[in-house]
Amino acid sequence: MNPLQVIKVIHTAVWAFFVACIAAIPVLAWRHAWSAAAVVTGVVFVEVLVIVANRWRCPLTPLAARYTDDRRDNFDIYLPEWLARHNKTVFGALYFAGIVFTAVLWAASRR
């Protein structure tokens, strides 16, 4: 594999890990696994901080840019271009919804 392919594989695996974390939040809340939901929420929050600190880009993007002139939205990851373009919006909304869902269930369980 060439360096760009290696970066794309790593980037895609990291992305899949965080998508799994985002998907797990409401599932864990539904199961009343509050501590696990909090940990997963925190793990994703750390990734949000990394993205914000890197001017809303993955730190792997500039590395991938060294190996290609392509600048399509998915040049650095194995995702469909439309999903790479809207990734932060789609998964940011799901993350936020998962947090709200968890908070509502947790508050209801405290009554």
PDB file of N, CA and C in Angstrom:
ATOM      1  N   MET A   1       0.841  -1.189   0.000  1.00  0.00           N
ATOM      2  CA  MET A   1       0.000   0.000   0.000  1.00  0.00           C
ATOM      3  C   MET A   1       0.881   1.245   0.000  1.00  0.00           C
ATOM      4  N   ASN A   2       0.427   2.244  -0.707  1.00  0.00           N
ATOM      5  CA  ASN A   2       1.163   3.507  -0.701  1.00  0.00           C
ATOM      6  C   ASN A   2       0.758   4.316   0.544  1.00  0.00           C
ATOM      7  N   PRO A   3       1.506   5.365   0.888  1.00  0.00           N
ATOM      8  CA  PRO A   3       1.223   6.126   2.119  1.00  0.00           C
ATOM      9  C   PRO A   3      -0.193   6.703   2.174  1.00  0.00           C
ATOM     10  N   LEU A   4      -0.719   7.176   1.048  1.00  0.00           N
ATOM     11  CA  LEU A   4      -2.074   7.722   1.043  1.00  0.00           C
ATOM     12  C   LEU A   4      -3.086   6.638   1.399  1.00  0.00           C
ATOM     13  N   GLN A   5      -2.923   5.464   0.855  1.00  0.00           N
ATOM     14  CA  GLN A   5      -3.840   4.370   1.179  1.00  0.00           C
ATOM     15  C   GLN A   5      -3.769   3.999   2.658  1.00  0.00           C
ATOM     16  N   VAL A   6      -2.578   3.991   3.210  1.00  0.00           N
ATOM     17  CA  VAL A   6      -2.420   3.690   4.644  1.00  0.00           C
ATOM     18  C   VAL A   6      -3.155   4.734   5.483  1.00  0.00           C
ATOM     19  N   ILE A   7      -2.973   5.997   5.150  1.00  0.00           N
ATOM     20  CA  ILE A   7      -3.649   7.076   5.880  1.00  0.00           C
ATOM     21  C   ILE A   7      -5.160   6.939   5.743  1.00  0.00           C
ATOM     22  N   LYS A   8      -5.635   6.646   4.532  1.00  0.00           N
ATOM     23  CA  LYS A   8      -7.079   6.497   4.321  1.00  0.00           C
ATOM     24  C   LYS A   8      -7.645   5.325   5.126  1.00  0.00           C
ATOM     25  N   VAL A   9      -6.916   4.228   5.204  1.00  0.00           N
ATOM     26  CA  VAL A   9      -7.375   3.073   5.994  1.00  0.00           C
ATOM     27  C   VAL A   9      -7.441   3.453   7.474  1.00  0.00           C
ATOM     28  N   ILE A  10      -6.388   4.084   7.971  1.00  0.00           N
ATOM     29  CA  ILE A  10      -6.364   4.501   9.385  1.00  0.00           C
ATOM     30  C   ILE A  10      -7.488   5.489   9.654  1.00  0.00           C
ATOM     31  N   HIS A  11      -7.640   6.482   8.783  1.00  0.00           N
ATOM     32  CA  HIS A  11      -8.680   7.501   8.957  1.00  0.00           C
ATOM     33  C   HIS A  11     -10.064   6.859   8.963  1.00  0.00           C
ATOM     34  N   THR A  12     -10.293   5.931   8.071  1.00  0.00           N
ATOM     35  CA  THR A  12     -11.587   5.256   7.993  1.00  0.00           C
ATOM     36  C   THR A  12     -11.837   4.417   9.244  1.00  0.00           C
ATOM     37  N   ALA A  13     -10.816   3.747   9.745  1.00  0.00           N
ATOM     38  CA  ALA A  13     -10.969   2.940  10.967  1.00  0.00           C
ATOM     39  C   ALA A  13     -11.260   3.827  12.175  1.00  0.00           C
ATOM     40  N   VAL A  14     -10.574   4.948  12.279  1.00  0.00           N
ATOM     41  CA  VAL A  14     -10.828   5.889  13.378  1.00  0.00           C
ATOM     42  C   VAL A  14     -12.242   6.439  13.268  1.00  0.00           C
ATOM     43  N   TRP A  15     -12.644   6.808  12.067  1.00  0.00           N
ATOM     44  CA  TRP A  15     -14.002   7.310  11.830  1.00  0.00           C
ATOM     45  C   TRP A  15     -15.029   6.257  12.254  1.00  0.00           C
ATOM     46  N   ALA A  16     -14.838   5.011  11.860  1.00  0.00           N
ATOM     47  CA  ALA A  16     -15.773   3.940  12.210  1.00  0.00           C
ATOM     48  C   ALA A  16     -15.846   3.747  13.723  1.00  0.00           C
ATOM     49  N   PHE A  17     -14.724   3.853  14.403  1.00  0.00           N
ATOM     50  CA  PHE A  17     -14.711   3.749  15.863  1.00  0.00           C
ATOM     51  C   PHE A  17     -15.590   4.832  16.474  1.00  0.00           C
ATOM     52  N   PHE A  18     -15.441   6.071  16.027  1.00  0.00           N
ATOM     53  CA  PHE A  18     -16.222   7.157  16.611  1.00  0.00           C
ATOM     54  C   PHE A  18     -17.695   7.083  16.220  1.00  0.00           C
ATOM     55  N   VAL A  19     -17.992   6.614  15.037  1.00  0.00           N
ATOM     56  CA  VAL A  19     -19.394   6.400  14.651  1.00  0.00           C
ATOM     57  C   VAL A  19     -20.014   5.332  15.554  1.00  0.00           C
ATOM     58  N   ALA A  20     -19.261   4.269  15.821  1.00  0.00           N
ATOM     59  CA  ALA A  20     -19.752   3.224  16.733  1.00  0.00           C
ATOM     60  C   ALA A  20     -19.990   3.798  18.130  1.00  0.00           C
ATOM     61  N   CYS A  21     -19.104   4.648  18.583  1.00  0.00           N
ATOM     62  CA  CYS A  21     -19.290   5.298  19.891  1.00  0.00           C
ATOM     63  C   CYS A  21     -20.554   6.149  19.900  1.00  0.00           C
ATOM     64  N   ILE A  22     -20.753   6.926  18.850  1.00  0.00           N
ATOM     65  CA  ILE A  22     -21.946   7.775  18.768  1.00  0.00           C
ATOM     66  C   ILE A  22     -23.210   6.917  18.762  1.00  0.00           C
ATOM     67  N   ALA A  23     -23.187   5.824  18.022  1.00  0.00           N
ATOM     68  CA  ALA A  23     -24.344   4.919  17.968  1.00  0.00           C
ATOM     69  C   ALA A  23     -24.578   4.236  19.312  1.00  0.00           C
ATOM     70  N   ALA A  24     -23.512   3.997  20.056  1.00  0.00           N
ATOM     71  CA  ALA A  24     -23.633   3.295  21.338  1.00  0.00           C
ATOM     72  C   ALA A  24     -24.273   4.150  22.423  1.00  0.00           C
ATOM     73  N   ILE A  25     -24.165   5.453  22.334  1.00  0.00           N
ATOM     74  CA  ILE A  25     -24.656   6.326  23.405  1.00  0.00           C
ATOM     75  C   ILE A  25     -26.138   6.086  23.704  1.00  0.00           C
ATOM     76  N   PRO A  26     -27.045   6.183  22.735  1.00  0.00           N
ATOM     77  CA  PRO A  26     -28.456   5.953  23.078  1.00  0.00           C
ATOM     78  C   PRO A  26     -28.743   4.496  23.459  1.00  0.00           C
ATOM     79  N   VAL A  27     -27.993   3.567  22.890  1.00  0.00           N
ATOM     80  CA  VAL A  27     -28.186   2.153  23.246  1.00  0.00           C
ATOM     81  C   VAL A  27     -27.823   1.937  24.710  1.00  0.00           C
ATOM     82  N   LEU A  28     -26.706   2.479  25.126  1.00  0.00           N
ATOM     83  CA  LEU A  28     -26.289   2.358  26.517  1.00  0.00           C
ATOM     84  C   LEU A  28     -27.274   3.048  27.450  1.00  0.00           C
ATOM     85  N   ALA A  29     -27.775   4.196  27.019  1.00  0.00           N
ATOM     86  CA  ALA A  29     -28.774   4.903  27.828  1.00  0.00           C
ATOM     87  C   ALA A  29     -30.052   4.077  27.951  1.00  0.00           C
ATOM     88  N   TRP A  30     -30.485   3.485  26.869  1.00  0.00           N
ATOM     89  CA  TRP A  30     -31.694   2.659  26.880  1.00  0.00           C
ATOM     90  C   TRP A  30     -31.552   1.500  27.872  1.00  0.00           C
ATOM     91  N   ARG A  31     -30.321   0.997  27.971  1.00  0.00           N
ATOM     92  CA  ARG A  31     -30.039  -0.110  28.889  1.00  0.00           C
ATOM     93  C   ARG A  31     -29.724   0.386  30.306  1.00  0.00           C
ATOM     94  N   HIS A  32     -29.797   1.690  30.507  1.00  0.00           N
ATOM     95  CA  HIS A  32     -29.504   2.344  31.790  1.00  0.00           C
ATOM     96  C   HIS A  32     -28.062   2.093  32.237  1.00  0.00           C
ATOM     97  N   ALA A  33     -27.181   1.977  31.275  1.00  0.00           N
ATOM     98  CA  ALA A  33     -25.747   1.840  31.553  1.00  0.00           C
ATOM     99  C   ALA A  33     -25.146   3.243  31.565  1.00  0.00           C
ATOM    100  N   TRP A  34     -25.475   3.982  32.617  1.00  0.00           N
ATOM    101  CA  TRP A  34     -25.151   5.411  32.673  1.00  0.00           C
ATOM    102  C   TRP A  34     -23.648   5.671  32.642  1.00  0.00           C
ATOM    103  N   SER A  35     -22.897   4.900  33.386  1.00  0.00           N
ATOM    104  CA  SER A  35     -21.438   5.113  33.416  1.00  0.00           C
ATOM    105  C   SER A  35     -20.821   4.865  32.041  1.00  0.00           C
ATOM    106  N   ALA A  36     -21.229   3.791  31.398  1.00  0.00           N
ATOM    107  CA  ALA A  36     -20.698   3.489  30.066  1.00  0.00           C
ATOM    108  C   ALA A  36     -21.103   4.568  29.067  1.00  0.00           C
ATOM    109  N   ALA A  37     -22.340   5.034  29.155  1.00  0.00           N
ATOM    110  CA  ALA A  37     -22.795   6.105  28.255  1.00  0.00           C
ATOM    111  C   ALA A  37     -21.979   7.371  28.475  1.00  0.00           C
ATOM    112  N   ALA A  38     -21.665   7.666  29.733  1.00  0.00           N
ATOM    113  CA  ALA A  38     -20.868   8.855  30.039  1.00  0.00           C
ATOM    114  C   ALA A  38     -19.450   8.714  29.491  1.00  0.00           C
ATOM    115  N   VAL A  39     -18.866   7.530  29.645  1.00  0.00           N
ATOM    116  CA  VAL A  39     -17.501   7.309  29.137  1.00  0.00           C
ATOM    117  C   VAL A  39     -17.463   7.466  27.620  1.00  0.00           C
ATOM    118  N   VAL A  40     -18.405   6.844  26.930  1.00  0.00           N
ATOM    119  CA  VAL A  40     -18.426   6.917  25.465  1.00  0.00           C
ATOM    120  C   VAL A  40     -18.683   8.353  25.008  1.00  0.00           C
ATOM    121  N   THR A  41     -19.567   9.047  25.703  1.00  0.00           N
ATOM    122  CA  THR A  41     -19.823  10.455  25.386  1.00  0.00           C
ATOM    123  C   THR A  41     -18.538  11.270  25.551  1.00  0.00           C
ATOM    124  N   GLY A  42     -17.800  11.000  26.606  1.00  0.00           N
ATOM    125  CA  GLY A  42     -16.539  11.698  26.841  1.00  0.00           C
ATOM    126  C   GLY A  42     -15.479  11.387  25.800  1.00  0.00           C
ATOM    127  N   VAL A  43     -15.415  10.135  25.378  1.00  0.00           N
ATOM    128  CA  VAL A  43     -14.456   9.747  24.335  1.00  0.00           C
ATOM    129  C   VAL A  43     -14.731  10.535  23.056  1.00  0.00           C
ATOM    130  N   VAL A  44     -15.989  10.615  22.677  1.00  0.00           N
ATOM    131  CA  VAL A  44     -16.345  11.369  21.471  1.00  0.00           C
ATOM    132  C   VAL A  44     -16.067  12.859  21.679  1.00  0.00           C
ATOM    133  N   PHE A  45     -16.320  13.355  22.885  1.00  0.00           N
ATOM    134  CA  PHE A  45     -16.071  14.772  23.161  1.00  0.00           C
ATOM    135  C   PHE A  45     -14.584  15.108  22.989  1.00  0.00           C
ATOM    136  N   VAL A  46     -13.707  14.208  23.398  1.00  0.00           N
ATOM    137  CA  VAL A  46     -12.273  14.434  23.198  1.00  0.00           C
ATOM    138  C   VAL A  46     -11.975  14.548  21.701  1.00  0.00           C
ATOM    139  N   GLU A  47     -12.607  13.706  20.894  1.00  0.00           N
ATOM    140  CA  GLU A  47     -12.420  13.803  19.436  1.00  0.00           C
ATOM    141  C   GLU A  47     -12.943  15.137  18.910  1.00  0.00           C
ATOM    142  N   VAL A  48     -14.057  15.607  19.438  1.00  0.00           N
ATOM    143  CA  VAL A  48     -14.584  16.923  19.044  1.00  0.00           C
ATOM    144  C   VAL A  48     -13.552  18.003  19.359  1.00  0.00           C
ATOM    145  N   LEU A  49     -12.949  17.933  20.539  1.00  0.00           N
ATOM    146  CA  LEU A  49     -11.922  18.911  20.898  1.00  0.00           C
ATOM    147  C   LEU A  49     -10.729  18.853  19.944  1.00  0.00           C
ATOM    148  N   VAL A  50     -10.325  17.653  19.547  1.00  0.00           N
ATOM    149  CA  VAL A  50      -9.220  17.500  18.593  1.00  0.00           C
ATOM    150  C   VAL A  50      -9.582  18.146  17.260  1.00  0.00           C
ATOM    151  N   ILE A  51     -10.796  17.902  16.795  1.00  0.00           N
ATOM    152  CA  ILE A  51     -11.254  18.488  15.527  1.00  0.00           C
ATOM    153  C   ILE A  51     -11.292  20.015  15.628  1.00  0.00           C
ATOM    154  N   VAL A  52     -11.837  20.538  16.713  1.00  0.00           N
ATOM    155  CA  VAL A  52     -11.911  21.994  16.896  1.00  0.00           C
ATOM    156  C   VAL A  52     -10.498  22.589  16.942  1.00  0.00           C
ATOM    157  N   ALA A  53      -9.600  21.940  17.667  1.00  0.00           N
ATOM    158  CA  ALA A  53      -8.219  22.438  17.782  1.00  0.00           C
ATOM    159  C   ALA A  53      -7.488  22.418  16.445  1.00  0.00           C
ATOM    160  N   ASN A  54      -7.952  21.585  15.523  1.00  0.00           N
ATOM    161  CA  ASN A  54      -7.328  21.492  14.193  1.00  0.00           C
ATOM    162  C   ASN A  54      -8.145  22.223  13.130  1.00  0.00           C
ATOM    163  N   ARG A  55      -8.806  23.285  13.549  1.00  0.00           N
ATOM    164  CA  ARG A  55      -9.603  24.125  12.637  1.00  0.00           C
ATOM    165  C   ARG A  55     -10.651  23.319  11.875  1.00  0.00           C
ATOM    166  N   TRP A  56     -11.380  22.482  12.611  1.00  0.00           N
ATOM    167  CA  TRP A  56     -12.494  21.696  12.094  1.00  0.00           C
ATOM    168  C   TRP A  56     -12.071  20.664  11.055  1.00  0.00           C
ATOM    169  N   ARG A  57     -10.818  20.208  11.160  1.00  0.00           N
ATOM    170  CA  ARG A  57     -10.340  19.146  10.259  1.00  0.00           C
ATOM    171  C   ARG A  57      -9.706  18.041  11.078  1.00  0.00           C
ATOM    172  N   CYS A  58      -9.761  16.855  10.549  1.00  0.00           N
ATOM    173  CA  CYS A  58      -9.062  15.731  11.161  1.00  0.00           C
ATOM    174  C   CYS A  58      -7.565  15.970  11.033  1.00  0.00           C
ATOM    175  N   PRO A  59      -6.783  15.647  12.059  1.00  0.00           N
ATOM    176  CA  PRO A  59      -5.332  15.829  11.951  1.00  0.00           C
ATOM    177  C   PRO A  59      -4.690  14.955  10.874  1.00  0.00           C
ATOM    178  N   LEU A  60      -5.393  13.947  10.401  1.00  0.00           N
ATOM    179  CA  LEU A  60      -4.849  13.108   9.332  1.00  0.00           C
ATOM    180  C   LEU A  60      -4.977  13.755   7.949  1.00  0.00           C
ATOM    181  N   THR A  61      -5.862  14.729   7.816  1.00  0.00           N
ATOM    182  CA  THR A  61      -6.092  15.369   6.518  1.00  0.00           C
ATOM    183  C   THR A  61      -4.827  16.013   5.954  1.00  0.00           C
ATOM    184  N   PRO A  62      -4.098  16.825   6.726  1.00  0.00           N
ATOM    185  CA  PRO A  62      -2.874  17.401   6.156  1.00  0.00           C
ATOM    186  C   PRO A  62      -1.822  16.352   5.813  1.00  0.00           C
ATOM    187  N   LEU A  63      -1.802  15.257   6.568  1.00  0.00           N
ATOM    188  CA  LEU A  63      -0.866  14.181   6.223  1.00  0.00           C
ATOM    189  C   LEU A  63      -1.218  13.573   4.875  1.00  0.00           C
ATOM    190  N   ALA A  64      -2.506  13.308   4.670  1.00  0.00           N
ATOM    191  CA  ALA A  64      -2.944  12.745   3.384  1.00  0.00           C
ATOM    192  C   ALA A  64      -2.681  13.721   2.243  1.00  0.00           C
ATOM    193  N   ALA A  65      -2.828  15.004   2.515  1.00  0.00           N
ATOM    194  CA  ALA A  65      -2.640  16.022   1.475  1.00  0.00           C
ATOM    195  C   ALA A  65      -1.217  16.034   0.919  1.00  0.00           C
ATOM    196  N   ARG A  66      -0.273  15.537   1.687  1.00  0.00           N
ATOM    197  CA  ARG A  66       1.112  15.471   1.210  1.00  0.00           C
ATOM    198  C   ARG A  66       1.285  14.508   0.043  1.00  0.00           C
ATOM    199  N   TYR A  67       0.351  13.571  -0.100  1.00  0.00           N
ATOM    200  CA  TYR A  67       0.521  12.487  -1.071  1.00  0.00           C
ATOM    201  C   TYR A  67      -0.416  12.572  -2.273  1.00  0.00           C
ATOM    202  N   THR A  68      -1.189  13.651  -2.371  1.00  0.00           N
ATOM    203  CA  THR A  68      -2.094  13.803  -3.511  1.00  0.00           C
ATOM    204  C   THR A  68      -2.455  15.264  -3.706  1.00  0.00           C
ATOM    205  N   ASP A  69      -2.799  15.594  -4.952  1.00  0.00           N
ATOM    206  CA  ASP A  69      -3.315  16.930  -5.246  1.00  0.00           C
ATOM    207  C   ASP A  69      -4.840  16.954  -5.184  1.00  0.00           C
ATOM    208  N   ASP A  70      -5.446  15.794  -5.049  1.00  0.00           N
ATOM    209  CA  ASP A  70      -6.901  15.660  -4.960  1.00  0.00           C
ATOM    210  C   ASP A  70      -7.390  16.353  -3.688  1.00  0.00           C
ATOM    211  N   ARG A  71      -8.424  17.152  -3.793  1.00  0.00           N
ATOM    212  CA  ARG A  71      -8.986  17.814  -2.618  1.00  0.00           C
ATOM    213  C   ARG A  71     -10.502  17.614  -2.531  1.00  0.00           C
ATOM    214  N   ARG A  72     -10.976  16.532  -3.145  1.00  0.00           N
ATOM    215  CA  ARG A  72     -12.390  16.220  -2.958  1.00  0.00           C
ATOM    216  C   ARG A  72     -12.634  15.963  -1.475  1.00  0.00           C
ATOM    217  N   ASP A  73     -13.873  16.013  -1.057  1.00  0.00           N
ATOM    218  CA  ASP A  73     -14.198  15.854   0.358  1.00  0.00           C
ATOM    219  C   ASP A  73     -13.762  14.508   0.931  1.00  0.00           C
ATOM    220  N   ASN A  74     -13.598  13.511   0.086  1.00  0.00           N
ATOM    221  CA  ASN A  74     -13.212  12.183   0.562  1.00  0.00           C
ATOM    222  C   ASN A  74     -11.806  11.767   0.123  1.00  0.00           C
ATOM    223  N   PHE A  75     -10.937  12.732  -0.190  1.00  0.00           N
ATOM    224  CA  PHE A  75      -9.599  12.360  -0.669  1.00  0.00           C
ATOM    225  C   PHE A  75      -8.779  11.663   0.398  1.00  0.00           C
ATOM    226  N   ASP A  76      -9.149  11.835   1.674  1.00  0.00           N
ATOM    227  CA  ASP A  76      -8.337  11.310   2.773  1.00  0.00           C
ATOM    228  C   ASP A  76      -9.014  10.194   3.566  1.00  0.00           C
ATOM    229  N   ILE A  77     -10.153   9.691   3.061  1.00  0.00           N
ATOM    230  CA  ILE A  77     -10.915   8.684   3.794  1.00  0.00           C
ATOM    231  C   ILE A  77     -11.727   7.852   2.808  1.00  0.00           C
ATOM    232  N   TYR A  78     -11.968   6.593   3.165  1.00  0.00           N
ATOM    233  CA  TYR A  78     -12.784   5.731   2.309  1.00  0.00           C
ATOM    234  C   TYR A  78     -14.256   5.858   2.694  1.00  0.00           C
ATOM    235  N   LEU A  79     -14.854   6.974   2.295  1.00  0.00           N
ATOM    236  CA  LEU A  79     -16.284   7.230   2.475  1.00  0.00           C
ATOM    237  C   LEU A  79     -16.819   7.784   1.164  1.00  0.00           C
ATOM    238  N   PRO A  80     -18.119   7.611   0.929  1.00  0.00           N
ATOM    239  CA  PRO A  80     -18.699   8.294  -0.231  1.00  0.00           C
ATOM    240  C   PRO A  80     -18.498   9.806  -0.077  1.00  0.00           C
ATOM    241  N   GLU A  81     -18.328  10.479  -1.183  1.00  0.00           N
ATOM    242  CA  GLU A  81     -18.040  11.916  -1.122  1.00  0.00           C
ATOM    243  C   GLU A  81     -19.123  12.699  -0.390  1.00  0.00           C
ATOM    244  N   TRP A  82     -20.394  12.368  -0.623  1.00  0.00           N
ATOM    245  CA  TRP A  82     -21.487  13.105   0.044  1.00  0.00           C
ATOM    246  C   TRP A  82     -21.406  12.927   1.561  1.00  0.00           C
ATOM    247  N   LEU A  83     -21.038  11.738   2.023  1.00  0.00           N
ATOM    248  CA  LEU A  83     -20.959  11.509   3.469  1.00  0.00           C
ATOM    249  C   LEU A  83     -19.744  12.229   4.052  1.00  0.00           C
ATOM    250  N   ALA A  84     -18.632  12.185   3.359  1.00  0.00           N
ATOM    251  CA  ALA A  84     -17.446  12.915   3.822  1.00  0.00           C
ATOM    252  C   ALA A  84     -17.741  14.413   3.890  1.00  0.00           C
ATOM    253  N   ARG A  85     -18.497  14.923   2.937  1.00  0.00           N
ATOM    254  CA  ARG A  85     -18.837  16.351   2.898  1.00  0.00           C
ATOM    255  C   ARG A  85     -19.715  16.744   4.083  1.00  0.00           C
ATOM    256  N   HIS A  86     -20.658  15.872   4.461  1.00  0.00           N
ATOM    257  CA  HIS A  86     -21.633  16.205   5.505  1.00  0.00           C
ATOM    258  C   HIS A  86     -21.378  15.469   6.819  1.00  0.00           C
ATOM    259  N   ASN A  87     -20.227  14.877   6.944  1.00  0.00           N
ATOM    260  CA  ASN A  87     -19.881  14.048   8.094  1.00  0.00           C
ATOM    261  C   ASN A  87     -20.104  14.747   9.431  1.00  0.00           C
ATOM    262  N   LYS A  88     -19.553  15.936   9.593  1.00  0.00           N
ATOM    263  CA  LYS A  88     -19.668  16.645  10.871  1.00  0.00           C
ATOM    264  C   LYS A  88     -21.110  17.007  11.176  1.00  0.00           C
ATOM    265  N   THR A  89     -21.873  17.391  10.172  1.00  0.00           N
ATOM    266  CA  THR A  89     -23.271  17.753  10.378  1.00  0.00           C
ATOM    267  C   THR A  89     -24.101  16.534  10.775  1.00  0.00           C
ATOM    268  N   VAL A  90     -23.956  15.456  10.024  1.00  0.00           N
ATOM    269  CA  VAL A  90     -24.748  14.244  10.284  1.00  0.00           C
ATOM    270  C   VAL A  90     -24.409  13.663  11.649  1.00  0.00           C
ATOM    271  N   PHE A  91     -23.134  13.413  11.892  1.00  0.00           N
ATOM    272  CA  PHE A  91     -22.756  12.735  13.128  1.00  0.00           C
ATOM    273  C   PHE A  91     -22.730  13.673  14.323  1.00  0.00           C
ATOM    274  N   GLY A  92     -22.555  14.970  14.074  1.00  0.00           N
ATOM    275  CA  GLY A  92     -22.708  15.945  15.156  1.00  0.00           C
ATOM    276  C   GLY A  92     -24.143  15.971  15.653  1.00  0.00           C
ATOM    277  N   ALA A  93     -25.095  15.943  14.728  1.00  0.00           N
ATOM    278  CA  ALA A  93     -26.511  15.928  15.109  1.00  0.00           C
ATOM    279  C   ALA A  93     -26.861  14.637  15.848  1.00  0.00           C
ATOM    280  N   LEU A  94     -26.342  13.511  15.377  1.00  0.00           N
ATOM    281  CA  LEU A  94     -26.602  12.234  16.056  1.00  0.00           C
ATOM    282  C   LEU A  94     -25.968  12.215  17.444  1.00  0.00           C
ATOM    283  N   TYR A  95     -24.792  12.759  17.572  1.00  0.00           N
ATOM    284  CA  TYR A  95     -24.122  12.842  18.872  1.00  0.00           C
ATOM    285  C   TYR A  95     -24.939  13.690  19.838  1.00  0.00           C
ATOM    286  N   PHE A  96     -25.346  14.852  19.385  1.00  0.00           N
ATOM    287  CA  PHE A  96     -26.156  15.744  20.220  1.00  0.00           C
ATOM    288  C   PHE A  96     -27.476  15.078  20.603  1.00  0.00           C
ATOM    289  N   ALA A  97     -28.136  14.440  19.634  1.00  0.00           N
ATOM    290  CA  ALA A  97     -29.402  13.753  19.924  1.00  0.00           C
ATOM    291  C   ALA A  97     -29.189  12.624  20.929  1.00  0.00           C
ATOM    292  N   GLY A  98     -28.092  11.904  20.807  1.00  0.00           N
ATOM    293  CA  GLY A  98     -27.787  10.838  21.762  1.00  0.00           C
ATOM    294  C   GLY A  98     -27.584  11.369  23.167  1.00  0.00           C
ATOM    295  N   ILE A  99     -26.926  12.512  23.277  1.00  0.00           N
ATOM    296  CA  ILE A  99     -26.716  13.138  24.587  1.00  0.00           C
ATOM    297  C   ILE A  99     -28.051  13.579  25.182  1.00  0.00           C
ATOM    298  N   VAL A 100     -28.892  14.211  24.372  1.00  0.00           N
ATOM    299  CA  VAL A 100     -30.204  14.654  24.859  1.00  0.00           C
ATOM    300  C   VAL A 100     -31.037  13.452  25.285  1.00  0.00           C
ATOM    301  N   PHE A 101     -31.062  12.420  24.459  1.00  0.00           N
ATOM    302  CA  PHE A 101     -31.809  11.197  24.770  1.00  0.00           C
ATOM    303  C   PHE A 101     -31.324  10.604  26.094  1.00  0.00           C
ATOM    304  N   THR A 102     -30.024  10.545  26.268  1.00  0.00           N
ATOM    305  CA  THR A 102     -29.440  10.005  27.489  1.00  0.00           C
ATOM    306  C   THR A 102     -29.835  10.861  28.692  1.00  0.00           C
ATOM    307  N   ALA A 103     -29.746  12.162  28.552  1.00  0.00           N
ATOM    308  CA  ALA A 103     -30.097  13.067  29.657  1.00  0.00           C
ATOM    309  C   ALA A 103     -31.557  12.918  30.047  1.00  0.00           C
ATOM    310  N   VAL A 104     -32.438  12.812  29.063  1.00  0.00           N
ATOM    311  CA  VAL A 104     -33.867  12.666  29.343  1.00  0.00           C
ATOM    312  C   VAL A 104     -34.132  11.348  30.069  1.00  0.00           C
ATOM    313  N   LEU A 105     -33.559  10.252  29.565  1.00  0.00           N
ATOM    314  CA  LEU A 105     -33.760   8.961  30.235  1.00  0.00           C
ATOM    315  C   LEU A 105     -33.162   8.960  31.634  1.00  0.00           C
ATOM    316  N   TRP A 106     -31.997   9.540  31.778  1.00  0.00           N
ATOM    317  CA  TRP A 106     -31.361   9.570  33.088  1.00  0.00           C
ATOM    318  C   TRP A 106     -32.207  10.370  34.077  1.00  0.00           C
ATOM    319  N   ALA A 107     -32.694  11.534  33.643  1.00  0.00           N
ATOM    320  CA  ALA A 107     -33.533  12.351  34.522  1.00  0.00           C
ATOM    321  C   ALA A 107     -34.808  11.613  34.912  1.00  0.00           C
ATOM    322  N   ALA A 108     -35.407  10.914  33.946  1.00  0.00           N
ATOM    323  CA  ALA A 108     -36.624  10.159  34.226  1.00  0.00           C
ATOM    324  C   ALA A 108     -36.344   9.014  35.194  1.00  0.00           C
ATOM    325  N   SER A 109     -35.176   8.414  35.115  1.00  0.00           N
ATOM    326  CA  SER A 109     -34.848   7.293  36.013  1.00  0.00           C
ATOM    327  C   SER A 109     -34.571   7.766  37.430  1.00  0.00           C
ATOM    328  N   ARG A 110     -34.286   9.050  37.603  1.00  0.00           N
ATOM    329  CA  ARG A 110     -33.972   9.610  38.923  1.00  0.00           C
ATOM    330  C   ARG A 110     -35.218   9.948  39.720  1.00  0.00           C
ATOM    331  N   ARG A 111     -36.386   9.935  39.083  1.00  0.00           N
ATOM    332  CA  ARG A 111     -37.638  10.302  39.766  1.00  0.00           C
ATOM    333  C   ARG A 111     -38.121   9.186  40.626  1.00  0.00           C
TER     334      ARG A 111
END
